[in-house]
Amino acid sequence: MDDEIAWKTEQRLWLEGISAYDELLDPSCLMVFPGMGVLDVSAIIEGLKGAPRWADVKMSDRVVSRAGDTVIVLGYTAEGRRGNADPYRCFCTSTYRAEGQSWKLVQHQQTLAN
């Protein structure tokens, strides 16, 4: 996965619904969110049901790291917006693993930015 596709894939998870998660999450994926803790795939999908999607997300301070040809790690600062709510700022990491010709998310973590 080249860098441009990796960032577009990451943006899909912020802006699209459950169908993007169904397509992109590895069954072993873990996510960590402030105030929610560690979530497995079933908890992630359950949490998305009825939750409003982000209207916009800006990803800055982007960093890409690779572990060989089959693992890519994205690090960035995100600022997400939903309706008239205050912006949500956090530091993020996401790890994708190649599975044949496709890539699956195996880890995502968010830490609130002050």
PDB file of N, CA and C in Angstrom:
ATOM      1  N   MET A   1       0.870  -1.172   0.000  1.00  0.00           N
ATOM      2  CA  MET A   1       0.000   0.000   0.000  1.00  0.00           C
ATOM      3  C   MET A   1       0.909   1.225   0.000  1.00  0.00           C
ATOM      4  N   ASP A   2       0.712   2.096  -0.976  1.00  0.00           N
ATOM      5  CA  ASP A   2       1.514   3.313  -0.969  1.00  0.00           C
ATOM      6  C   ASP A   2       0.925   4.311   0.031  1.00  0.00           C
ATOM      7  N   ASP A   3       1.695   5.347   0.334  1.00  0.00           N
ATOM      8  CA  ASP A   3       1.301   6.298   1.384  1.00  0.00           C
ATOM      9  C   ASP A   3      -0.039   6.975   1.105  1.00  0.00           C
ATOM     10  N   GLU A   4      -0.267   7.379  -0.137  1.00  0.00           N
ATOM     11  CA  GLU A   4      -1.513   8.076  -0.481  1.00  0.00           C
ATOM     12  C   GLU A   4      -2.732   7.187  -0.227  1.00  0.00           C
ATOM     13  N   ILE A   5      -2.648   5.943  -0.635  1.00  0.00           N
ATOM     14  CA  ILE A   5      -3.758   5.013  -0.407  1.00  0.00           C
ATOM     15  C   ILE A   5      -3.940   4.759   1.081  1.00  0.00           C
ATOM     16  N   ALA A   6      -2.843   4.657   1.819  1.00  0.00           N
ATOM     17  CA  ALA A   6      -2.931   4.438   3.266  1.00  0.00           C
ATOM     18  C   ALA A   6      -3.696   5.570   3.943  1.00  0.00           C
ATOM     19  N   TRP A   7      -3.399   6.812   3.594  1.00  0.00           N
ATOM     20  CA  TRP A   7      -4.088   7.949   4.222  1.00  0.00           C
ATOM     21  C   TRP A   7      -5.559   8.017   3.801  1.00  0.00           C
ATOM     22  N   LYS A   8      -5.860   7.692   2.546  1.00  0.00           N
ATOM     23  CA  LYS A   8      -7.256   7.661   2.109  1.00  0.00           C
ATOM     24  C   LYS A   8      -8.028   6.564   2.839  1.00  0.00           C
ATOM     25  N   THR A   9      -7.387   5.426   3.048  1.00  0.00           N
ATOM     26  CA  THR A   9      -8.009   4.324   3.782  1.00  0.00           C
ATOM     27  C   THR A   9      -8.301   4.751   5.213  1.00  0.00           C
ATOM     28  N   GLU A  10      -7.339   5.395   5.840  1.00  0.00           N
ATOM     29  CA  GLU A  10      -7.522   5.866   7.224  1.00  0.00           C
ATOM     30  C   GLU A  10      -8.675   6.866   7.310  1.00  0.00           C
ATOM     31  N   GLN A  11      -8.755   7.761   6.350  1.00  0.00           N
ATOM     32  CA  GLN A  11      -9.834   8.759   6.343  1.00  0.00           C
ATOM     33  C   GLN A  11     -11.204   8.089   6.206  1.00  0.00           C
ATOM     34  N   ARG A  12     -11.270   7.011   5.455  1.00  0.00           N
ATOM     35  CA  ARG A  12     -12.541   6.293   5.305  1.00  0.00           C
ATOM     36  C   ARG A  12     -13.085   5.836   6.663  1.00  0.00           C
ATOM     37  N   LEU A  13     -12.198   5.390   7.536  1.00  0.00           N
ATOM     38  CA  LEU A  13     -12.637   4.906   8.845  1.00  0.00           C
ATOM     39  C   LEU A  13     -13.194   6.033   9.711  1.00  0.00           C
ATOM     40  N   TRP A  14     -12.752   7.234   9.497  1.00  0.00           N
ATOM     41  CA  TRP A  14     -13.299   8.384  10.224  1.00  0.00           C
ATOM     42  C   TRP A  14     -14.645   8.816   9.649  1.00  0.00           C
ATOM     43  N   LEU A  15     -14.762   8.810   8.327  1.00  0.00           N
ATOM     44  CA  LEU A  15     -15.904   9.467   7.682  1.00  0.00           C
ATOM     45  C   LEU A  15     -17.011   8.525   7.203  1.00  0.00           C
ATOM     46  N   GLU A  16     -16.686   7.275   6.926  1.00  0.00           N
ATOM     47  CA  GLU A  16     -17.696   6.345   6.425  1.00  0.00           C
ATOM     48  C   GLU A  16     -18.303   5.530   7.565  1.00  0.00           C
ATOM     49  N   GLY A  17     -19.287   4.749   7.260  1.00  0.00           N
ATOM     50  CA  GLY A  17     -20.007   3.974   8.264  1.00  0.00           C
ATOM     51  C   GLY A  17     -19.459   2.579   8.469  1.00  0.00           C
ATOM     52  N   ILE A  18     -20.320   1.734   9.019  1.00  0.00           N
ATOM     53  CA  ILE A  18     -19.948   0.372   9.388  1.00  0.00           C
ATOM     54  C   ILE A  18     -19.423  -0.424   8.195  1.00  0.00           C
ATOM     55  N   SER A  19     -19.903  -0.148   6.997  1.00  0.00           N
ATOM     56  CA  SER A  19     -19.453  -0.922   5.828  1.00  0.00           C
ATOM     57  C   SER A  19     -17.941  -0.796   5.623  1.00  0.00           C
ATOM     58  N   ALA A  20     -17.379   0.378   5.882  1.00  0.00           N
ATOM     59  CA  ALA A  20     -15.928   0.551   5.760  1.00  0.00           C
ATOM     60  C   ALA A  20     -15.204  -0.293   6.802  1.00  0.00           C
ATOM     61  N   TYR A  21     -15.744  -0.335   8.011  1.00  0.00           N
ATOM     62  CA  TYR A  21     -15.137  -1.150   9.067  1.00  0.00           C
ATOM     63  C   TYR A  21     -15.228  -2.631   8.723  1.00  0.00           C
ATOM     64  N   ASP A  22     -16.371  -3.061   8.211  1.00  0.00           N
ATOM     65  CA  ASP A  22     -16.525  -4.460   7.804  1.00  0.00           C
ATOM     66  C   ASP A  22     -15.482  -4.844   6.757  1.00  0.00           C
ATOM     67  N   GLU A  23     -15.191  -3.922   5.866  1.00  0.00           N
ATOM     68  CA  GLU A  23     -14.241  -4.180   4.791  1.00  0.00           C
ATOM     69  C   GLU A  23     -12.794  -4.141   5.273  1.00  0.00           C
ATOM     70  N   LEU A  24     -12.469  -3.244   6.183  1.00  0.00           N
ATOM     71  CA  LEU A  24     -11.073  -2.938   6.488  1.00  0.00           C
ATOM     72  C   LEU A  24     -10.528  -3.522   7.786  1.00  0.00           C
ATOM     73  N   LEU A  25     -11.381  -3.925   8.727  1.00  0.00           N
ATOM     74  CA  LEU A  25     -10.887  -4.431  10.011  1.00  0.00           C
ATOM     75  C   LEU A  25     -10.507  -5.898   9.940  1.00  0.00           C
ATOM     76  N   ASP A  26      -9.350  -6.209  10.465  1.00  0.00           N
ATOM     77  CA  ASP A  26      -8.946  -7.585  10.673  1.00  0.00           C
ATOM     78  C   ASP A  26      -9.758  -8.132  11.844  1.00  0.00           C
ATOM     79  N   PRO A  27     -10.146  -9.397  11.839  1.00  0.00           N
ATOM     80  CA  PRO A  27     -10.931  -9.947  12.949  1.00  0.00           C
ATOM     81  C   PRO A  27     -10.237  -9.839  14.312  1.00  0.00           C
ATOM     82  N   SER A  28      -8.912  -9.684  14.320  1.00  0.00           N
ATOM     83  CA  SER A  28      -8.174  -9.578  15.577  1.00  0.00           C
ATOM     84  C   SER A  28      -7.919  -8.129  15.991  1.00  0.00           C
ATOM     85  N   CYS A  29      -8.479  -7.167  15.269  1.00  0.00           N
ATOM     86  CA  CYS A  29      -8.208  -5.752  15.515  1.00  0.00           C
ATOM     87  C   CYS A  29      -8.567  -5.336  16.943  1.00  0.00           C
ATOM     88  N   LEU A  30      -7.710  -4.501  17.516  1.00  0.00           N
ATOM     89  CA  LEU A  30      -7.967  -3.848  18.799  1.00  0.00           C
ATOM     90  C   LEU A  30      -7.890  -2.351  18.596  1.00  0.00           C
ATOM     91  N   MET A  31      -8.791  -1.630  19.272  1.00  0.00           N
ATOM     92  CA  MET A  31      -8.775  -0.175  19.248  1.00  0.00           C
ATOM     93  C   MET A  31      -8.822   0.336  20.683  1.00  0.00           C
ATOM     94  N   VAL A  32      -8.161   1.476  20.902  1.00  0.00           N
ATOM     95  CA  VAL A  32      -8.141   2.107  22.218  1.00  0.00           C
ATOM     96  C   VAL A  32      -8.618   3.539  22.061  1.00  0.00           C
ATOM     97  N   PHE A  33      -9.650   3.889  22.850  1.00  0.00           N
ATOM     98  CA  PHE A  33     -10.219   5.236  22.812  1.00  0.00           C
ATOM     99  C   PHE A  33     -10.256   5.831  24.217  1.00  0.00           C
ATOM    100  N   PRO A  34     -10.027   7.150  24.336  1.00  0.00           N
ATOM    101  CA  PRO A  34     -10.114   7.790  25.644  1.00  0.00           C
ATOM    102  C   PRO A  34     -11.496   7.577  26.263  1.00  0.00           C
ATOM    103  N   GLY A  35     -11.516   7.197  27.506  1.00  0.00           N
ATOM    104  CA  GLY A  35     -12.769   7.007  28.219  1.00  0.00           C
ATOM    105  C   GLY A  35     -13.495   5.715  27.907  1.00  0.00           C
ATOM    106  N   MET A  36     -13.011   4.961  26.928  1.00  0.00           N
ATOM    107  CA  MET A  36     -13.669   3.710  26.539  1.00  0.00           C
ATOM    108  C   MET A  36     -12.779   2.498  26.779  1.00  0.00           C
ATOM    109  N   GLY A  37     -11.482   2.697  26.746  1.00  0.00           N
ATOM    110  CA  GLY A  37     -10.554   1.593  26.953  1.00  0.00           C
ATOM    111  C   GLY A  37     -10.299   0.805  25.685  1.00  0.00           C
ATOM    112  N   VAL A  38      -9.924  -0.452  25.875  1.00  0.00           N
ATOM    113  CA  VAL A  38      -9.568  -1.345  24.773  1.00  0.00           C
ATOM    114  C   VAL A  38     -10.826  -2.046  24.266  1.00  0.00           C
ATOM    115  N   LEU A  39     -11.029  -1.998  22.947  1.00  0.00           N
ATOM    116  CA  LEU A  39     -12.205  -2.603  22.319  1.00  0.00           C
ATOM    117  C   LEU A  39     -11.779  -3.629  21.281  1.00  0.00           C
ATOM    118  N   ASP A  40     -12.477  -4.773  21.266  1.00  0.00           N
ATOM    119  CA  ASP A  40     -12.253  -5.750  20.204  1.00  0.00           C
ATOM    120  C   ASP A  40     -13.238  -5.467  19.068  1.00  0.00           C
ATOM    121  N   VAL A  41     -13.177  -6.245  18.009  1.00  0.00           N
ATOM    122  CA  VAL A  41     -13.973  -5.974  16.814  1.00  0.00           C
ATOM    123  C   VAL A  41     -15.471  -5.919  17.115  1.00  0.00           C
ATOM    124  N   SER A  42     -15.973  -6.852  17.897  1.00  0.00           N
ATOM    125  CA  SER A  42     -17.417  -6.845  18.168  1.00  0.00           C
ATOM    126  C   SER A  42     -17.831  -5.585  18.932  1.00  0.00           C
ATOM    127  N   ALA A  43     -17.014  -5.142  19.881  1.00  0.00           N
ATOM    128  CA  ALA A  43     -17.324  -3.917  20.622  1.00  0.00           C
ATOM    129  C   ALA A  43     -17.191  -2.683  19.733  1.00  0.00           C
ATOM    130  N   ILE A  44     -16.240  -2.704  18.826  1.00  0.00           N
ATOM    131  CA  ILE A  44     -16.057  -1.588  17.891  1.00  0.00           C
ATOM    132  C   ILE A  44     -17.306  -1.437  17.025  1.00  0.00           C
ATOM    133  N   ILE A  45     -17.739  -2.529  16.410  1.00  0.00           N
ATOM    134  CA  ILE A  45     -18.909  -2.494  15.527  1.00  0.00           C
ATOM    135  C   ILE A  45     -20.153  -2.109  16.314  1.00  0.00           C
ATOM    136  N   GLU A  46     -20.334  -2.658  17.498  1.00  0.00           N
ATOM    137  CA  GLU A  46     -21.496  -2.325  18.332  1.00  0.00           C
ATOM    138  C   GLU A  46     -21.499  -0.832  18.676  1.00  0.00           C
ATOM    139  N   GLY A  47     -20.321  -0.281  18.981  1.00  0.00           N
ATOM    140  CA  GLY A  47     -20.214   1.136  19.315  1.00  0.00           C
ATOM    141  C   GLY A  47     -20.540   2.059  18.152  1.00  0.00           C
ATOM    142  N   LEU A  48     -20.366   1.571  16.933  1.00  0.00           N
ATOM    143  CA  LEU A  48     -20.652   2.378  15.749  1.00  0.00           C
ATOM    144  C   LEU A  48     -22.145   2.480  15.445  1.00  0.00           C
ATOM    145  N   LYS A  49     -22.899   1.505  15.907  1.00  0.00           N
ATOM    146  CA  LYS A  49     -24.331   1.497  15.610  1.00  0.00           C
ATOM    147  C   LYS A  49     -24.993   2.706  16.247  1.00  0.00           C
ATOM    148  N   GLY A  50     -25.580   3.525  15.435  1.00  0.00           N
ATOM    149  CA  GLY A  50     -26.278   4.703  15.919  1.00  0.00           C
ATOM    150  C   GLY A  50     -25.378   5.875  16.274  1.00  0.00           C
ATOM    151  N   ALA A  51     -24.069   5.689  16.237  1.00  0.00           N
ATOM    152  CA  ALA A  51     -23.154   6.795  16.553  1.00  0.00           C
ATOM    153  C   ALA A  51     -23.029   7.714  15.341  1.00  0.00           C
ATOM    154  N   PRO A  52     -23.046   9.021  15.552  1.00  0.00           N
ATOM    155  CA  PRO A  52     -22.886   9.933  14.413  1.00  0.00           C
ATOM    156  C   PRO A  52     -21.479   9.832  13.836  1.00  0.00           C
ATOM    157  N   ARG A  53     -21.381   9.884  12.536  1.00  0.00           N
ATOM    158  CA  ARG A  53     -20.069   9.872  11.880  1.00  0.00           C
ATOM    159  C   ARG A  53     -19.479  11.266  11.938  1.00  0.00           C
ATOM    160  N   TRP A  54     -18.214  11.333  11.728  1.00  0.00           N
ATOM    161  CA  TRP A  54     -17.532  12.619  11.685  1.00  0.00           C
ATOM    162  C   TRP A  54     -17.887  13.315  10.376  1.00  0.00           C
ATOM    163  N   ALA A  55     -18.165  14.603  10.447  1.00  0.00           N
ATOM    164  CA  ALA A  55     -18.460  15.379   9.240  1.00  0.00           C
ATOM    165  C   ALA A  55     -17.175  15.709   8.490  1.00  0.00           C
ATOM    166  N   ASP A  56     -16.081  15.819   9.251  1.00  0.00           N
ATOM    167  CA  ASP A  56     -14.804  16.204   8.664  1.00  0.00           C
ATOM    168  C   ASP A  56     -13.691  15.739   9.596  1.00  0.00           C
ATOM    169  N   VAL A  57     -12.550  15.425   9.028  1.00  0.00           N
ATOM    170  CA  VAL A  57     -11.357  15.143   9.826  1.00  0.00           C
ATOM    171  C   VAL A  57     -10.150  15.696   9.087  1.00  0.00           C
ATOM    172  N   LYS A  58      -9.286  16.344   9.849  1.00  0.00           N
ATOM    173  CA  LYS A  58      -8.013  16.820   9.306  1.00  0.00           C
ATOM    174  C   LYS A  58      -6.914  16.034   9.993  1.00  0.00           C
ATOM    175  N   MET A  59      -5.999  15.479   9.190  1.00  0.00           N
ATOM    176  CA  MET A  59      -4.877  14.711   9.721  1.00  0.00           C
ATOM    177  C   MET A  59      -3.592  15.477   9.445  1.00  0.00           C
ATOM    178  N   SER A  60      -2.909  15.867  10.522  1.00  0.00           N
ATOM    179  CA  SER A  60      -1.666  16.624  10.369  1.00  0.00           C
ATOM    180  C   SER A  60      -0.522  15.879  11.052  1.00  0.00           C
ATOM    181  N   ASP A  61       0.672  16.411  10.914  1.00  0.00           N
ATOM    182  CA  ASP A  61       1.868  15.800  11.510  1.00  0.00           C
ATOM    183  C   ASP A  61       1.960  14.321  11.136  1.00  0.00           C
ATOM    184  N   ARG A  62       1.686  14.023   9.896  1.00  0.00           N
ATOM    185  CA  ARG A  62       1.618  12.637   9.413  1.00  0.00           C
ATOM    186  C   ARG A  62       3.008  11.988   9.374  1.00  0.00           C
ATOM    187  N   VAL A  63       3.061  10.759   9.869  1.00  0.00           N
ATOM    188  CA  VAL A  63       4.278   9.953   9.836  1.00  0.00           C
ATOM    189  C   VAL A  63       3.900   8.554   9.371  1.00  0.00           C
ATOM    190  N   VAL A  64       4.718   7.976   8.502  1.00  0.00           N
ATOM    191  CA  VAL A  64       4.509   6.611   8.022  1.00  0.00           C
ATOM    192  C   VAL A  64       5.744   5.793   8.373  1.00  0.00           C
ATOM    193  N   SER A  65       5.511   4.618   8.939  1.00  0.00           N
ATOM    194  CA  SER A  65       6.589   3.689   9.251  1.00  0.00           C
ATOM    195  C   SER A  65       6.216   2.332   8.676  1.00  0.00           C
ATOM    196  N   ARG A  66       7.212   1.603   8.227  1.00  0.00           N
ATOM    197  CA  ARG A  66       6.951   0.287   7.640  1.00  0.00           C
ATOM    198  C   ARG A  66       7.818  -0.764   8.330  1.00  0.00           C
ATOM    199  N   ALA A  67       7.233  -1.926   8.528  1.00  0.00           N
ATOM    200  CA  ALA A  67       7.963  -3.089   9.026  1.00  0.00           C
ATOM    201  C   ALA A  67       7.955  -4.112   7.904  1.00  0.00           C
ATOM    202  N   GLY A  68       8.907  -4.010   7.018  1.00  0.00           N
ATOM    203  CA  GLY A  68       8.946  -4.880   5.844  1.00  0.00           C
ATOM    204  C   GLY A  68       7.893  -4.469   4.832  1.00  0.00           C
ATOM    205  N   ASP A  69       7.461  -5.426   4.024  1.00  0.00           N
ATOM    206  CA  ASP A  69       6.493  -5.159   2.963  1.00  0.00           C
ATOM    207  C   ASP A  69       5.053  -5.404   3.389  1.00  0.00           C
ATOM    208  N   THR A  70       4.840  -5.924   4.594  1.00  0.00           N
ATOM    209  CA  THR A  70       3.493  -6.357   4.973  1.00  0.00           C
ATOM    210  C   THR A  70       2.878  -5.595   6.140  1.00  0.00           C
ATOM    211  N   VAL A  71       3.609  -4.631   6.711  1.00  0.00           N
ATOM    212  CA  VAL A  71       3.064  -3.865   7.842  1.00  0.00           C
ATOM    213  C   VAL A  71       3.357  -2.386   7.628  1.00  0.00           C
ATOM    214  N   ILE A  72       2.310  -1.563   7.789  1.00  0.00           N
ATOM    215  CA  ILE A  72       2.464  -0.116   7.701  1.00  0.00           C
ATOM    216  C   ILE A  72       1.804   0.504   8.939  1.00  0.00           C
ATOM    217  N   VAL A  73       2.501   1.455   9.547  1.00  0.00           N
ATOM    218  CA  VAL A  73       1.994   2.151  10.729  1.00  0.00           C
ATOM    219  C   VAL A  73       1.860   3.631  10.389  1.00  0.00           C
ATOM    220  N   LEU A  74       0.676   4.173  10.648  1.00  0.00           N
ATOM    221  CA  LEU A  74       0.420   5.600  10.456  1.00  0.00           C
ATOM    222  C   LEU A  74       0.359   6.270  11.817  1.00  0.00           C
ATOM    223  N   GLY A  75       1.022   7.402  11.946  1.00  0.00           N
ATOM    224  CA  GLY A  75       0.931   8.219  13.147  1.00  0.00           C
ATOM    225  C   GLY A  75       0.549   9.631  12.729  1.00  0.00           C
ATOM    226  N   TYR A  76      -0.354  10.271  13.497  1.00  0.00           N
ATOM    227  CA  TYR A  76      -0.811  11.596  13.097  1.00  0.00           C
ATOM    228  C   TYR A  76      -1.584  12.272  14.226  1.00  0.00           C
ATOM    229  N   THR A  77      -1.813  13.563  14.036  1.00  0.00           N
ATOM    230  CA  THR A  77      -2.722  14.315  14.894  1.00  0.00           C
ATOM    231  C   THR A  77      -4.015  14.485  14.110  1.00  0.00           C
ATOM    232  N   ALA A  78      -5.134  14.154  14.743  1.00  0.00           N
ATOM    233  CA  ALA A  78      -6.437  14.271  14.085  1.00  0.00           C
ATOM    234  C   ALA A  78      -7.258  15.364  14.749  1.00  0.00           C
ATOM    235  N   GLU A  79      -7.998  16.075  13.924  1.00  0.00           N
ATOM    236  CA  GLU A  79      -9.004  17.010  14.418  1.00  0.00           C
ATOM    237  C   GLU A  79     -10.301  16.687  13.692  1.00  0.00           C
ATOM    238  N   GLY A  80     -11.235  16.108  14.447  1.00  0.00           N
ATOM    239  CA  GLY A  80     -12.510  15.710  13.882  1.00  0.00           C
ATOM    240  C   GLY A  80     -13.623  16.658  14.296  1.00  0.00           C
ATOM    241  N   ARG A  81     -14.619  16.788  13.417  1.00  0.00           N
ATOM    242  CA  ARG A  81     -15.761  17.657  13.695  1.00  0.00           C
ATOM    243  C   ARG A  81     -17.062  16.918  13.432  1.00  0.00           C
ATOM    244  N   ARG A  82     -17.989  17.134  14.358  1.00  0.00           N
ATOM    245  CA  ARG A  82     -19.356  16.607  14.227  1.00  0.00           C
ATOM    246  C   ARG A  82     -20.310  17.758  14.467  1.00  0.00           C
ATOM    247  N   GLY A  83     -21.064  18.116  13.444  1.00  0.00           N
ATOM    248  CA  GLY A  83     -22.061  19.174  13.605  1.00  0.00           C
ATOM    249  C   GLY A  83     -21.488  20.429  14.236  1.00  0.00           C
ATOM    250  N   ASN A  84     -22.198  20.954  15.229  1.00  0.00           N
ATOM    251  CA  ASN A  84     -21.772  22.186  15.901  1.00  0.00           C
ATOM    252  C   ASN A  84     -20.938  21.923  17.149  1.00  0.00           C
ATOM    253  N   ALA A  85     -20.579  20.682  17.407  1.00  0.00           N
ATOM    254  CA  ALA A  85     -19.794  20.337  18.597  1.00  0.00           C
ATOM    255  C   ALA A  85     -18.373  20.890  18.475  1.00  0.00           C
ATOM    256  N   ASP A  86     -17.732  21.049  19.618  1.00  0.00           N
ATOM    257  CA  ASP A  86     -16.332  21.464  19.624  1.00  0.00           C
ATOM    258  C   ASP A  86     -15.490  20.427  18.897  1.00  0.00           C
ATOM    259  N   PRO A  87     -14.405  20.867  18.254  1.00  0.00           N
ATOM    260  CA  PRO A  87     -13.530  19.912  17.572  1.00  0.00           C
ATOM    261  C   PRO A  87     -12.944  18.905  18.569  1.00  0.00           C
ATOM    262  N   TYR A  88     -12.710  17.704  18.096  1.00  0.00           N
ATOM    263  CA  TYR A  88     -12.087  16.637  18.868  1.00  0.00           C
ATOM    264  C   TYR A  88     -10.671  16.496  18.345  1.00  0.00           C
ATOM    265  N   ARG A  89      -9.666  16.721  19.208  1.00  0.00           N
ATOM    266  CA  ARG A  89      -8.261  16.608  18.808  1.00  0.00           C
ATOM    267  C   ARG A  89      -7.615  15.445  19.538  1.00  0.00           C
ATOM    268  N   CYS A  90      -6.906  14.623  18.782  1.00  0.00           N
ATOM    269  CA  CYS A  90      -6.214  13.489  19.392  1.00  0.00           C
ATOM    270  C   CYS A  90      -4.987  13.110  18.572  1.00  0.00           C
ATOM    271  N   PHE A  91      -4.096  12.402  19.237  1.00  0.00           N
ATOM    272  CA  PHE A  91      -2.947  11.791  18.577  1.00  0.00           C
ATOM    273  C   PHE A  91      -3.332  10.348  18.282  1.00  0.00           C
ATOM    274  N   CYS A  92      -3.020   9.871  17.073  1.00  0.00           N
ATOM    275  CA  CYS A  92      -3.468   8.541  16.644  1.00  0.00           C
ATOM    276  C   CYS A  92      -2.324   7.712  16.087  1.00  0.00           C
ATOM    277  N   THR A  93      -2.472   6.410  16.237  1.00  0.00           N
ATOM    278  CA  THR A  93      -1.675   5.450  15.479  1.00  0.00           C
ATOM    279  C   THR A  93      -2.622   4.399  14.927  1.00  0.00           C
ATOM    280  N   SER A  94      -2.313   3.934  13.742  1.00  0.00           N
ATOM    281  CA  SER A  94      -3.049   2.836  13.109  1.00  0.00           C
ATOM    282  C   SER A  94      -2.042   1.916  12.448  1.00  0.00           C
ATOM    283  N   THR A  95      -2.256   0.615  12.605  1.00  0.00           N
ATOM    284  CA  THR A  95      -1.366  -0.381  12.018  1.00  0.00           C
ATOM    285  C   THR A  95      -2.171  -1.265  11.071  1.00  0.00           C
ATOM    286  N   TYR A  96      -1.686  -1.354   9.832  1.00  0.00           N
ATOM    287  CA  TYR A  96      -2.307  -2.184   8.805  1.00  0.00           C
ATOM    288  C   TYR A  96      -1.352  -3.315   8.430  1.00  0.00           C
ATOM    289  N   ARG A  97      -1.931  -4.475   8.126  1.00  0.00           N
ATOM    290  CA  ARG A  97      -1.158  -5.647   7.718  1.00  0.00           C
ATOM    291  C   ARG A  97      -1.687  -6.129   6.373  1.00  0.00           C
ATOM    292  N   ALA A  98      -0.759  -6.466   5.480  1.00  0.00           N
ATOM    293  CA  ALA A  98      -1.150  -6.996   4.174  1.00  0.00           C
ATOM    294  C   ALA A  98      -1.733  -8.386   4.342  1.00  0.00           C
ATOM    295  N   GLU A  99      -2.835  -8.607   3.627  1.00  0.00           N
ATOM    296  CA  GLU A  99      -3.480  -9.917   3.601  1.00  0.00           C
ATOM    297  C   GLU A  99      -3.758 -10.213   2.133  1.00  0.00           C
ATOM    298  N   GLY A 100      -2.800 -10.861   1.490  1.00  0.00           N
ATOM    299  CA  GLY A 100      -2.899 -11.039   0.043  1.00  0.00           C
ATOM    300  C   GLY A 100      -2.743  -9.678  -0.622  1.00  0.00           C
ATOM    301  N   GLN A 101      -3.710  -9.317  -1.459  1.00  0.00           N
ATOM    302  CA  GLN A 101      -3.683  -8.023  -2.141  1.00  0.00           C
ATOM    303  C   GLN A 101      -4.376  -6.919  -1.345  1.00  0.00           C
ATOM    304  N   SER A 102      -5.026  -7.274  -0.248  1.00  0.00           N
ATOM    305  CA  SER A 102      -5.725  -6.267   0.547  1.00  0.00           C
ATOM    306  C   SER A 102      -4.957  -5.985   1.840  1.00  0.00           C
ATOM    307  N   TRP A 103      -5.335  -4.903   2.481  1.00  0.00           N
ATOM    308  CA  TRP A 103      -4.732  -4.498   3.743  1.00  0.00           C
ATOM    309  C   TRP A 103      -5.824  -4.413   4.791  1.00  0.00           C
ATOM    310  N   LYS A 104      -5.528  -4.903   5.999  1.00  0.00           N
ATOM    311  CA  LYS A 104      -6.495  -4.908   7.094  1.00  0.00           C
ATOM    312  C   LYS A 104      -5.924  -4.148   8.290  1.00  0.00           C
ATOM    313  N   LEU A 105      -6.795  -3.404   8.951  1.00  0.00           N
ATOM    314  CA  LEU A 105      -6.411  -2.678  10.157  1.00  0.00           C
ATOM    315  C   LEU A 105      -6.338  -3.657  11.318  1.00  0.00           C
ATOM    316  N   VAL A 106      -5.206  -3.701  12.000  1.00  0.00           N
ATOM    317  CA  VAL A 106      -5.047  -4.595  13.143  1.00  0.00           C
ATOM    318  C   VAL A 106      -4.974  -3.837  14.468  1.00  0.00           C
ATOM    319  N   GLN A 107      -4.764  -2.515  14.414  1.00  0.00           N
ATOM    320  CA  GLN A 107      -4.650  -1.720  15.637  1.00  0.00           C
ATOM    321  C   GLN A 107      -4.930  -0.261  15.340  1.00  0.00           C
ATOM    322  N   HIS A 108      -5.670   0.392  16.249  1.00  0.00           N
ATOM    323  CA  HIS A 108      -5.864   1.835  16.184  1.00  0.00           C
ATOM    324  C   HIS A 108      -5.927   2.351  17.620  1.00  0.00           C
ATOM    325  N   GLN A 109      -5.265   3.468  17.883  1.00  0.00           N
ATOM    326  CA  GLN A 109      -5.216   4.046  19.222  1.00  0.00           C
ATOM    327  C   GLN A 109      -5.366   5.552  19.134  1.00  0.00           C
ATOM    328  N   GLN A 110      -6.096   6.131  20.083  1.00  0.00           N
ATOM    329  CA  GLN A 110      -6.249   7.588  20.162  1.00  0.00           C
ATOM    330  C   GLN A 110      -5.907   8.055  21.574  1.00  0.00           C
ATOM    331  N   THR A 111      -5.145   9.152  21.645  1.00  0.00           N
ATOM    332  CA  THR A 111      -4.828   9.818  22.907  1.00  0.00           C
ATOM    333  C   THR A 111      -5.260  11.264  22.767  1.00  0.00           C
ATOM    334  N   LEU A 112      -6.076  11.757  23.714  1.00  0.00           N
ATOM    335  CA  LEU A 112      -6.534  13.133  23.638  1.00  0.00           C
ATOM    336  C   LEU A 112      -5.364  14.102  23.592  1.00  0.00           C
ATOM    337  N   ALA A 113      -5.476  15.106  22.741  1.00  0.00           N
ATOM    338  CA  ALA A 113      -4.492  16.173  22.671  1.00  0.00           C
ATOM    339  C   ALA A 113      -4.961  17.328  23.554  1.00  0.00           C
ATOM    340  N   ASN A 114      -4.057  17.901  24.274  1.00  0.00           N
ATOM    341  CA  ASN A 114      -4.428  19.039  25.147  1.00  0.00           C
ATOM    342  C   ASN A 114      -4.423  20.344  24.397  1.00  0.00           C
TER     343      ASN A 114
END
